[in-house]
Protein backbone atom coordinates (compact mmCIF):
# COMPACT_ATOMS: atom_id res chain seq x y z
CA UNK A 1 8.09 -9.82 -27.71
CA UNK A 2 8.41 -6.76 -25.48
CA UNK A 3 6.09 -6.20 -22.49
CA UNK A 4 5.62 -3.01 -20.46
CA UNK A 5 3.43 -2.41 -17.42
CA UNK A 6 2.21 0.70 -15.58
CA UNK A 7 0.90 0.36 -12.03
CA UNK A 8 -1.36 2.83 -10.28
CA UNK A 9 -2.52 2.73 -6.69
CA UNK A 10 -1.67 0.61 -3.70
CA UNK A 11 0.96 -1.92 -2.66
CA UNK A 12 -1.44 -4.75 -3.52
CA UNK A 13 -1.43 -3.56 -7.12
CA UNK A 14 2.38 -3.35 -7.03
CA UNK A 15 2.58 -6.94 -5.86
CA UNK A 16 0.15 -8.17 -8.50
CA UNK A 17 2.06 -6.33 -11.24
CA UNK A 18 5.29 -7.95 -10.09
CA UNK A 19 3.63 -11.37 -10.34
CA UNK A 20 2.54 -10.59 -13.89
CA UNK A 21 6.06 -9.38 -14.83
CA UNK A 22 7.48 -12.62 -13.44
CA UNK A 23 5.03 -14.75 -15.44
CA UNK A 24 5.91 -13.00 -18.69
CA UNK A 25 9.65 -13.40 -18.00
CA UNK A 26 9.20 -17.13 -17.39
CA UNK A 27 7.58 -17.42 -20.83
CA UNK A 28 10.53 -15.69 -22.50
CA UNK A 29 9.08 -12.20 -22.97
CA UNK A 30 11.31 -9.14 -22.59
CA UNK A 31 10.25 -6.61 -19.93
CA UNK A 32 10.85 -2.97 -20.96
CA UNK A 33 10.09 0.40 -19.32
CA UNK A 34 6.59 1.72 -19.87
CA UNK A 35 7.99 4.72 -21.75
CA UNK A 36 9.57 2.39 -24.32
CA UNK A 37 7.91 0.91 -27.38
CA UNK A 38 6.34 -2.43 -26.56
CA UNK A 39 4.31 -5.19 -28.17
CA UNK A 40 2.16 -5.76 -25.10
CA UNK A 41 1.22 -2.87 -22.84
CA UNK A 42 -0.49 -3.47 -19.47
CA UNK A 43 -2.11 -0.84 -17.23
CA UNK A 44 -3.00 -1.93 -13.69
CA UNK A 45 -5.55 0.68 -12.65
CA UNK A 46 -6.83 2.32 -9.45
CA UNK A 47 -10.19 3.88 -8.62
CA UNK A 48 -9.86 5.01 -4.98
CA UNK A 49 -10.48 8.68 -5.95
CA UNK A 50 -11.71 10.68 -8.94
CA UNK A 51 -8.09 11.65 -9.54
CA UNK A 52 -7.20 7.93 -9.75
CA UNK A 53 -9.92 7.42 -12.36
CA UNK A 54 -8.67 10.35 -14.42
CA UNK A 55 -5.06 9.21 -14.22
CA UNK A 56 -6.04 5.66 -15.20
CA UNK A 57 -7.85 6.95 -18.31
CA UNK A 58 -4.93 9.23 -19.23
CA UNK A 59 -2.39 6.40 -18.93
CA UNK A 60 -4.56 4.11 -21.07
CA UNK A 61 -4.81 6.75 -23.81
CA UNK A 62 -1.07 7.41 -23.57
CA UNK A 63 -0.34 3.70 -24.01
CA UNK A 64 -2.61 3.46 -27.07
CA UNK A 65 -1.05 6.57 -28.63
CA UNK A 66 2.55 5.53 -28.04
CA UNK A 67 2.03 1.88 -28.98
CA UNK A 68 -0.57 1.86 -31.80
CA UNK A 69 0.21 -1.72 -32.83
CA UNK A 70 0.53 -3.17 -29.33
CA UNK A 71 -1.88 -5.39 -27.43
CA UNK A 72 -3.36 -3.06 -24.79
CA UNK A 73 -4.42 -4.74 -21.53
CA UNK A 74 -6.35 -2.81 -18.87
CA UNK A 75 -6.91 -4.46 -15.49
CA UNK A 76 -7.60 -3.70 -11.85
CA UNK A 77 -10.03 -1.67 -9.77
CA UNK A 78 -11.06 0.90 -12.37
CA UNK A 79 -11.70 -1.92 -14.83
CA UNK A 80 -13.80 -3.78 -12.28
CA UNK A 81 -16.42 -1.04 -11.92
CA UNK A 82 -15.95 1.07 -15.07
CA UNK A 83 -15.44 -1.50 -17.81
CA UNK A 84 -17.98 0.23 -20.07
CA UNK A 85 -15.95 3.45 -19.89
CA UNK A 86 -12.82 1.53 -20.90
CA UNK A 87 -14.64 -0.12 -23.82
CA UNK A 88 -15.20 3.38 -25.18
CA UNK A 89 -11.46 4.03 -25.36
CA UNK A 90 -10.30 3.03 -28.84
CA UNK A 91 -7.39 0.62 -28.91
CA UNK A 92 -8.03 -1.39 -25.74
CA UNK A 93 -7.94 -5.13 -26.53
CA UNK A 94 -8.26 -6.92 -23.18
CA UNK A 95 -10.18 -5.80 -20.08
CA UNK A 96 -9.67 -7.67 -16.79
CA UNK A 97 -11.14 -6.81 -13.38
CA UNK A 98 -9.77 -8.00 -10.04
CA UNK A 99 -10.00 -11.67 -10.90
CA UNK A 100 -8.01 -13.55 -13.55
CA UNK A 101 -4.87 -11.47 -12.93
CA UNK A 102 -2.83 -14.67 -12.68
CA UNK A 103 -4.07 -15.56 -16.19
CA UNK A 104 -2.89 -12.38 -17.96
CA UNK A 105 -0.21 -14.19 -19.99
CA UNK A 106 -2.70 -16.84 -21.13
CA UNK A 107 -5.28 -14.20 -22.07
CA UNK A 108 -2.71 -12.21 -24.05
CA UNK A 109 -1.63 -15.32 -25.93
CA UNK A 110 -5.28 -16.15 -26.60
CA UNK A 111 -5.73 -12.67 -28.07
CA UNK A 112 -2.56 -12.95 -30.19
CA UNK A 113 -3.92 -16.20 -31.62
CA UNK A 114 -7.53 -15.16 -32.27
CA UNK A 115 -7.33 -11.33 -32.52
CA UNK A 116 -10.67 -11.09 -30.71
CA UNK A 117 -11.17 -8.60 -27.88
CA UNK A 118 -11.47 -10.12 -24.40
CA UNK A 119 -13.60 -8.87 -21.51
CA UNK A 120 -13.04 -10.73 -18.21
CA UNK A 121 -15.14 -8.82 -15.69
CA UNK A 122 -16.65 -11.19 -13.13
CA UNK A 123 -18.74 -10.82 -9.96
CA UNK A 124 -16.17 -9.81 -7.37
CA UNK A 125 -18.48 -10.18 -4.36
CA UNK A 126 -18.42 -13.97 -4.36
CA UNK A 127 -14.94 -15.13 -5.19
CA UNK A 128 -12.00 -16.89 -3.57
CA UNK A 129 -8.41 -15.77 -3.06
CA UNK A 130 -6.53 -15.91 -6.35
CA UNK A 131 -3.24 -17.76 -5.74
CA UNK A 132 -0.14 -15.72 -6.62
CA UNK A 133 3.45 -15.95 -5.49
CA UNK A 134 6.81 -14.29 -6.06
CA UNK A 135 10.42 -15.19 -5.40
CA UNK A 136 11.96 -11.86 -6.47
CA UNK A 137 11.17 -8.26 -7.36
CA UNK A 138 12.43 -6.29 -10.33
CA UNK A 139 13.82 -3.24 -8.58
CA UNK A 140 13.23 -3.66 -4.87
CA UNK A 141 15.25 -4.77 -1.87
CA UNK A 142 12.11 -4.92 0.24
CA UNK A 143 9.66 -7.66 -0.72
CA UNK A 144 5.89 -7.20 -0.72
CA UNK A 145 3.71 -10.21 0.00
CA UNK A 146 -0.02 -10.07 -0.56
CA UNK A 147 -1.66 -12.14 2.18
CA UNK A 148 -5.26 -10.96 1.93
CA UNK A 149 -7.78 -9.40 -0.44
CA UNK A 150 -11.16 -7.68 -0.10
CA UNK A 151 -12.87 -5.65 2.62
CA UNK A 152 -16.18 -6.03 4.48
CA UNK A 153 -16.14 -2.71 6.33
CA UNK A 154 -18.10 -0.59 3.82
CA UNK A 155 -17.02 2.82 5.11
CA UNK A 156 -19.49 5.31 3.68
CA UNK A 157 -16.90 7.09 1.48
CA UNK A 158 -15.10 4.04 0.08
CA UNK A 159 -15.57 2.32 -3.27
CA UNK A 160 -12.98 -0.41 -2.62
CA UNK A 161 -15.31 -3.10 -1.18
CA UNK A 162 -17.23 -2.91 -4.46
CA UNK A 163 -14.04 -3.29 -6.54
CA UNK A 164 -12.20 -5.85 -4.42
CA UNK A 165 -15.08 -7.86 -2.98
CA UNK A 166 -15.36 -9.92 0.20
CA UNK A 167 -12.44 -10.59 2.55
CA UNK A 168 -10.43 -13.67 1.63
CA UNK A 169 -7.07 -14.91 2.82
CA UNK A 170 -4.10 -16.63 1.29
CA UNK A 171 -3.37 -20.13 2.61
CA UNK A 172 -0.95 -19.82 5.53
CA UNK A 173 1.30 -22.52 4.06
CA UNK A 174 1.53 -20.51 0.82
CA UNK A 175 2.44 -17.32 2.72
CA UNK A 176 5.13 -19.08 4.75
CA UNK A 177 6.61 -20.87 1.74
CA UNK A 178 6.64 -17.69 -0.37
CA UNK A 179 8.50 -15.76 2.33
CA UNK A 180 10.96 -18.61 2.91
CA UNK A 181 11.71 -18.52 -0.81
CA UNK A 182 12.21 -14.73 -0.71
CA UNK A 183 14.59 -15.10 2.25
CA UNK A 184 16.61 -17.72 0.30
CA UNK A 185 16.90 -15.10 -2.45
CA UNK A 186 18.45 -12.71 0.07
CA UNK A 187 15.50 -10.51 0.98
CA UNK A 188 15.90 -9.21 4.52
CA UNK A 189 12.53 -7.48 4.90
CA UNK A 190 9.00 -8.37 3.84
CA UNK A 191 5.97 -6.09 3.85
CA UNK A 192 2.68 -7.88 4.52
CA UNK A 193 -0.01 -6.25 2.45
CA UNK A 194 -3.66 -6.62 1.58
CA UNK A 195 -6.79 -4.56 1.14
CA UNK A 196 -7.59 -5.07 4.81
CA UNK A 197 -4.42 -6.79 6.03
CA UNK A 198 -5.42 -7.11 9.66
CA UNK A 199 -8.50 -9.12 8.66
CA UNK A 200 -6.30 -11.97 7.49
CA UNK A 201 -7.88 -15.23 8.56
CA UNK A 202 -11.29 -13.77 9.43
CA UNK A 203 -12.74 -15.94 6.66
CA UNK A 204 -11.14 -19.02 8.24
CA UNK A 205 -12.06 -18.64 11.95
CA UNK A 206 -9.22 -20.78 13.33
CA UNK A 207 -6.15 -18.77 12.32
CA UNK A 208 -5.79 -15.00 12.40
CA UNK A 209 -3.28 -12.28 11.57
CA UNK A 210 -1.50 -12.54 14.92
CA UNK A 211 -1.04 -16.28 14.38
CA UNK A 212 0.47 -15.57 10.98
CA UNK A 213 2.85 -12.95 12.38
CA UNK A 214 4.02 -15.34 15.11
CA UNK A 215 4.71 -18.05 12.54
CA UNK A 216 6.61 -15.72 10.20
CA UNK A 217 8.80 -14.50 13.06
CA UNK A 218 10.19 -18.06 13.32
CA UNK A 219 11.62 -18.01 9.78
CA UNK A 220 15.43 -18.09 9.92
CA UNK A 221 17.09 -15.30 7.95
CA UNK A 222 14.04 -13.05 7.89
CA UNK A 223 15.14 -9.93 9.75
CA UNK A 224 12.23 -7.51 9.36
CA UNK A 225 8.48 -7.88 9.09
CA UNK A 226 6.51 -4.76 8.19
CA UNK A 227 2.72 -4.40 8.16
CA UNK A 228 1.53 -2.14 5.35
CA UNK A 229 -1.53 -0.97 7.30
CA UNK A 230 -3.79 -2.15 10.09
CA UNK A 231 -7.05 -0.84 11.52
CA UNK A 232 -7.21 0.36 15.12
CA UNK A 233 -10.04 -2.12 15.83
CA UNK A 234 -7.65 -4.98 15.04
CA UNK A 235 -5.19 -4.07 17.81
CA UNK A 236 -6.66 -6.56 20.24
CA UNK A 237 -4.84 -8.07 23.21
CA UNK A 238 -3.57 -10.96 21.10
CA UNK A 239 -2.03 -8.64 18.50
CA UNK A 240 -0.47 -6.39 21.14
CA UNK A 241 1.03 -9.43 22.87
CA UNK A 242 2.42 -10.63 19.51
CA UNK A 243 3.97 -7.20 18.96
CA UNK A 244 5.47 -7.27 22.45
CA UNK A 245 7.13 -10.66 21.98
CA UNK A 246 8.51 -10.36 18.46
CA UNK A 247 11.25 -7.86 17.68
CA UNK A 248 11.29 -8.86 14.01
CA UNK A 249 8.10 -6.83 13.62
CA UNK A 250 9.51 -3.38 12.92
CA UNK A 251 8.97 -0.35 15.15
CA UNK A 252 6.58 1.29 12.70
CA UNK A 253 2.87 0.81 12.33
CA UNK A 254 0.45 2.56 9.97
CA UNK A 255 -3.02 2.97 11.49
CA UNK A 256 -5.64 4.91 9.48
CA UNK A 257 -7.53 7.51 11.49
CA UNK A 258 -9.55 9.25 8.69
CA UNK A 259 -11.02 11.80 11.12
CA UNK A 260 -10.36 13.08 14.62
CA UNK A 261 -13.98 14.15 15.10
CA UNK A 262 -16.44 11.61 16.55
CA UNK A 263 -19.39 13.00 14.59
CA UNK A 264 -17.51 12.59 11.32
CA UNK A 265 -16.24 9.11 12.23
CA UNK A 266 -19.82 7.99 12.81
CA UNK A 267 -20.96 9.41 9.47
CA UNK A 268 -18.00 7.70 7.79
CA UNK A 269 -19.19 4.38 9.29
CA UNK A 270 -15.86 3.87 11.01
CA UNK A 271 -16.04 1.35 13.85
CA UNK A 272 -14.39 3.40 16.64
CA UNK A 273 -14.33 6.82 18.28
CA UNK A 274 -11.39 9.06 19.21
CA UNK A 275 -11.32 7.84 22.82
CA UNK A 276 -10.93 4.23 21.68
CA UNK A 277 -8.33 5.18 19.09
CA UNK A 278 -6.17 7.04 21.63
CA UNK A 279 -6.41 4.25 24.19
CA UNK A 280 -5.03 1.75 21.69
CA UNK A 281 -2.22 4.09 20.63
CA UNK A 282 -1.29 4.48 24.30
CA UNK A 283 -1.17 0.68 24.64
CA UNK A 284 1.13 0.34 21.64
CA UNK A 285 3.49 3.05 22.84
CA UNK A 286 3.71 1.46 26.27
CA UNK A 287 5.10 -1.78 24.85
CA UNK A 288 7.03 -0.17 21.98
CA UNK A 289 8.68 3.08 23.14
CA UNK A 290 9.74 5.30 20.25
CA UNK A 291 7.53 3.51 17.72
CA UNK A 292 6.66 5.42 14.56
CA UNK A 293 2.91 5.70 14.14
CA UNK A 294 1.72 7.04 10.80
CA UNK A 295 -1.84 7.52 9.59
CA UNK A 296 -4.29 8.34 6.79
CA UNK A 297 -6.71 11.25 7.03
CA UNK A 298 -9.63 12.47 4.93
CA UNK A 299 -10.59 16.14 5.12
CA UNK A 300 -13.66 17.83 3.68
CA UNK A 301 -16.01 14.92 4.30
CA UNK A 302 -19.71 15.90 3.85
CA UNK A 303 -20.99 17.90 6.84
CA UNK A 304 -17.45 18.55 8.14
CA UNK A 305 -17.69 22.03 9.63
CA UNK A 306 -14.74 24.21 10.61
CA UNK A 307 -15.39 23.14 14.22
CA UNK A 308 -15.23 19.48 13.19
CA UNK A 309 -12.00 20.05 11.30
CA UNK A 310 -10.46 21.88 14.26
CA UNK A 311 -11.33 18.92 16.51
CA UNK A 312 -9.51 16.68 14.05
CA UNK A 313 -6.52 19.02 13.91
CA UNK A 314 -6.16 19.11 17.69
CA UNK A 315 -6.52 15.33 17.90
CA UNK A 316 -3.71 14.90 15.36
CA UNK A 317 -1.45 16.96 17.63
CA UNK A 318 -2.60 15.01 20.68
CA UNK A 319 -1.75 11.65 19.12
CA UNK A 320 1.57 13.08 17.89
CA UNK A 321 1.84 11.03 14.69
CA UNK A 322 5.23 10.76 13.02
CA UNK A 323 3.62 11.36 9.61
CA UNK A 324 0.13 12.06 8.25
CA UNK A 325 -1.02 11.11 4.76
CA UNK A 326 -3.91 13.47 4.06
CA UNK A 327 -6.45 13.33 1.22
CA UNK A 328 -9.33 15.58 0.25
CA UNK A 329 -12.63 13.70 0.30
CA UNK A 330 -13.45 12.40 -3.19
CA UNK A 331 -17.06 11.62 -4.10
CA UNK A 332 -17.42 8.06 -5.39
CA UNK A 333 -20.60 7.17 -7.22
CA UNK A 334 -22.32 4.21 -5.57
CA UNK A 335 -21.21 5.03 -2.03
CA UNK A 336 -23.51 6.41 0.73
CA UNK A 337 -21.36 9.52 1.20
CA UNK A 338 -21.94 10.55 -2.41
CA UNK A 339 -25.62 11.07 -1.58
CA UNK A 340 -25.04 13.09 1.61
CA UNK A 341 -26.03 16.73 1.87
CA UNK A 342 -23.64 19.57 2.71
CA UNK A 343 -20.79 18.55 0.42
CA UNK A 344 -17.67 20.62 1.20
CA UNK A 345 -16.36 22.85 -1.59
CA UNK A 346 -13.01 22.09 -3.22
CA UNK A 347 -11.35 25.32 -2.06
CA UNK A 348 -12.07 24.50 1.58
CA UNK A 349 -10.75 20.94 1.09
CA UNK A 350 -7.49 22.27 -0.35
CA UNK A 351 -7.04 24.70 2.55
CA UNK A 352 -7.55 21.90 5.07
CA UNK A 353 -5.16 19.58 3.21
CA UNK A 354 -2.52 22.32 3.25
CA UNK A 355 -2.91 22.92 6.98
CA UNK A 356 -2.61 19.21 7.80
CA UNK A 357 0.42 18.80 5.53
CA UNK A 358 2.15 21.64 7.37
CA UNK A 359 1.41 19.94 10.68
CA UNK A 360 2.61 16.60 9.30
CA UNK A 361 5.94 18.15 8.27
CA UNK A 362 6.37 19.63 11.76
CA UNK A 363 5.56 16.32 13.47
CA UNK A 364 7.77 14.33 11.10
CA UNK A 365 10.79 16.57 11.69
CA UNK A 366 10.17 16.45 15.44
CA UNK A 367 10.17 12.64 15.34
CA UNK A 368 13.28 12.45 13.15
CA UNK A 369 15.17 14.81 15.46
CA UNK A 370 14.72 12.32 18.28
CA UNK A 371 17.30 10.11 16.56
CA UNK A 372 20.10 12.65 16.21
CA UNK A 373 23.35 11.38 17.72
CA UNK A 374 21.91 7.88 18.03
CA UNK A 375 22.85 4.60 16.32
CA UNK A 376 20.29 2.97 14.04
CA UNK A 377 20.09 0.02 11.66
CA UNK A 378 19.29 0.78 8.02
CA UNK A 379 18.33 -1.49 5.12
CA UNK A 380 20.31 -0.06 2.20
CA UNK A 381 18.14 0.15 -0.92
CA UNK A 382 19.84 2.48 -3.43
CA UNK A 383 23.28 3.58 -4.55
CA UNK A 384 24.14 6.60 -6.69
CA UNK A 385 27.42 8.50 -7.08
CA UNK A 386 28.95 7.34 -3.82
CA UNK A 387 25.76 7.87 -1.78
CA UNK A 388 23.63 5.10 -0.34
CA UNK A 389 20.07 5.49 0.94
CA UNK A 390 17.66 3.29 2.83
CA UNK A 391 15.15 3.06 5.65
CA UNK A 392 15.37 2.35 9.34
CA UNK A 393 12.98 -0.13 10.90
CA UNK A 394 10.73 2.77 11.90
CA UNK A 395 10.78 3.96 8.28
CA UNK A 396 12.99 7.02 8.47
CA UNK A 397 14.92 7.72 5.27
CA UNK A 398 18.69 7.75 5.80
CA UNK A 399 21.43 8.99 3.47
CA UNK A 400 25.18 8.50 3.81
CA UNK A 401 28.41 7.75 1.96
CA UNK A 402 28.86 4.17 0.81
CA UNK A 403 29.28 1.90 -2.17
CA UNK A 404 27.17 -0.40 -4.32
CA UNK A 405 28.17 -3.48 -2.31
CA UNK A 406 26.07 -2.10 0.58
CA UNK A 407 22.83 -2.67 -1.34
CA UNK A 408 20.44 -5.06 0.44
CA UNK A 409 22.49 -5.09 3.62
CA UNK A 410 21.32 -3.96 7.04
CA UNK A 411 24.08 -1.70 8.34
CA UNK A 412 24.55 0.15 11.61
CA UNK A 413 24.74 3.92 11.24
CA UNK A 414 25.34 6.89 13.51
CA UNK A 415 22.88 9.74 12.87
CA UNK A 416 24.49 13.20 12.60
CA UNK A 417 21.95 15.73 11.28
CA UNK A 418 18.61 16.30 9.62
CA UNK A 419 18.30 17.22 5.93
CA UNK A 420 14.58 16.70 5.37
CA UNK A 421 13.28 14.29 4.14
CA UNK A 422 16.49 12.44 5.10
CA UNK A 423 18.54 12.08 8.22
CA UNK A 424 22.25 12.04 7.46
CA UNK A 425 24.56 9.52 9.03
CA UNK A 426 27.82 7.65 8.76
CA UNK A 427 28.70 3.98 9.00
CA UNK A 428 29.87 2.69 12.31
CA UNK A 429 33.17 0.87 12.16
CA UNK A 430 33.14 -2.64 13.54
């Protein structure tokens, strides 16, 4: 039987989808592209914004239309909090939330046997970490490893704690063994991911994220460790010391800001102010010169005046990020921010997004230009028509001439010029 899967949202969802693909392959199923006809069609949904909800619904309807005789499985964050909405979409056979993802194959086979619809939505607020592991990825040279799930921060705009539940961590032995297995299968880089990655171990008390990083750095053959995202409040002395001592941790760190205005940060229920944020960035740059620091930003939060936005804009320039991922505030039913007065109109949000994106492009090009005429190491990820592409440790995209044998190798390259979004280089001869 043929299985297809469509994944929306974050790197955690990508990892979970890969696990599901692996499980189906082990049972002898054929994995086909989502656009192809399939017997089993899985949609791993997202609900972080209203746009995510809409896209999830559209993909579900597309799957039903294109595969009228297939088993349709809908899972993930949108399922967790909007299962009744999904029930109203004709053709959906199995609904799974953010538990039981490791049991998708079993649930599909149960449905094939009994032909009875299945609804597996459970209380997400009191659950344990669902064991999952991978030894390979379908189309990636960089391996993602989910080490943590859930979030206890409850930022006023965010629905994710309600869809992912309490913080919970993967057993350290399972993380280490999974990565050792990936290294044996020739993966050079792993990306540690989670809903709140830096809170790894907070549910255990005796072993934290810095401890995990230190242990992973000892694995022979593992050349790069990348952190998908970490909160500024988690950059304590222990973490900074771990970063200082371990060169395997790449020179790129993604630290969400969300706003550069203290008033807005307080209303967002973020746990820091701009002074604290800058002080930690300064600490990081002192021990890691040239590090790429990227961020997330929300504009148009309730009560955000033009003065507030301008404070944010100036703070972005002050921090001098290498890239800014900016999002217009999206009202999420069930969150405190949804009930706030002075909601910002959509036109104003779009204008602010545009302005930040223009700044981001300027800052990104400025950062990339710093590497012209320098030598860098690149993990080669793709080959097409004599051109290879990949990323440096600090996550700059590089393009150059090469061949297919370069895939999944870390090669040394001399940077020659900028052709945004790439820097162009050539291989250094040994």
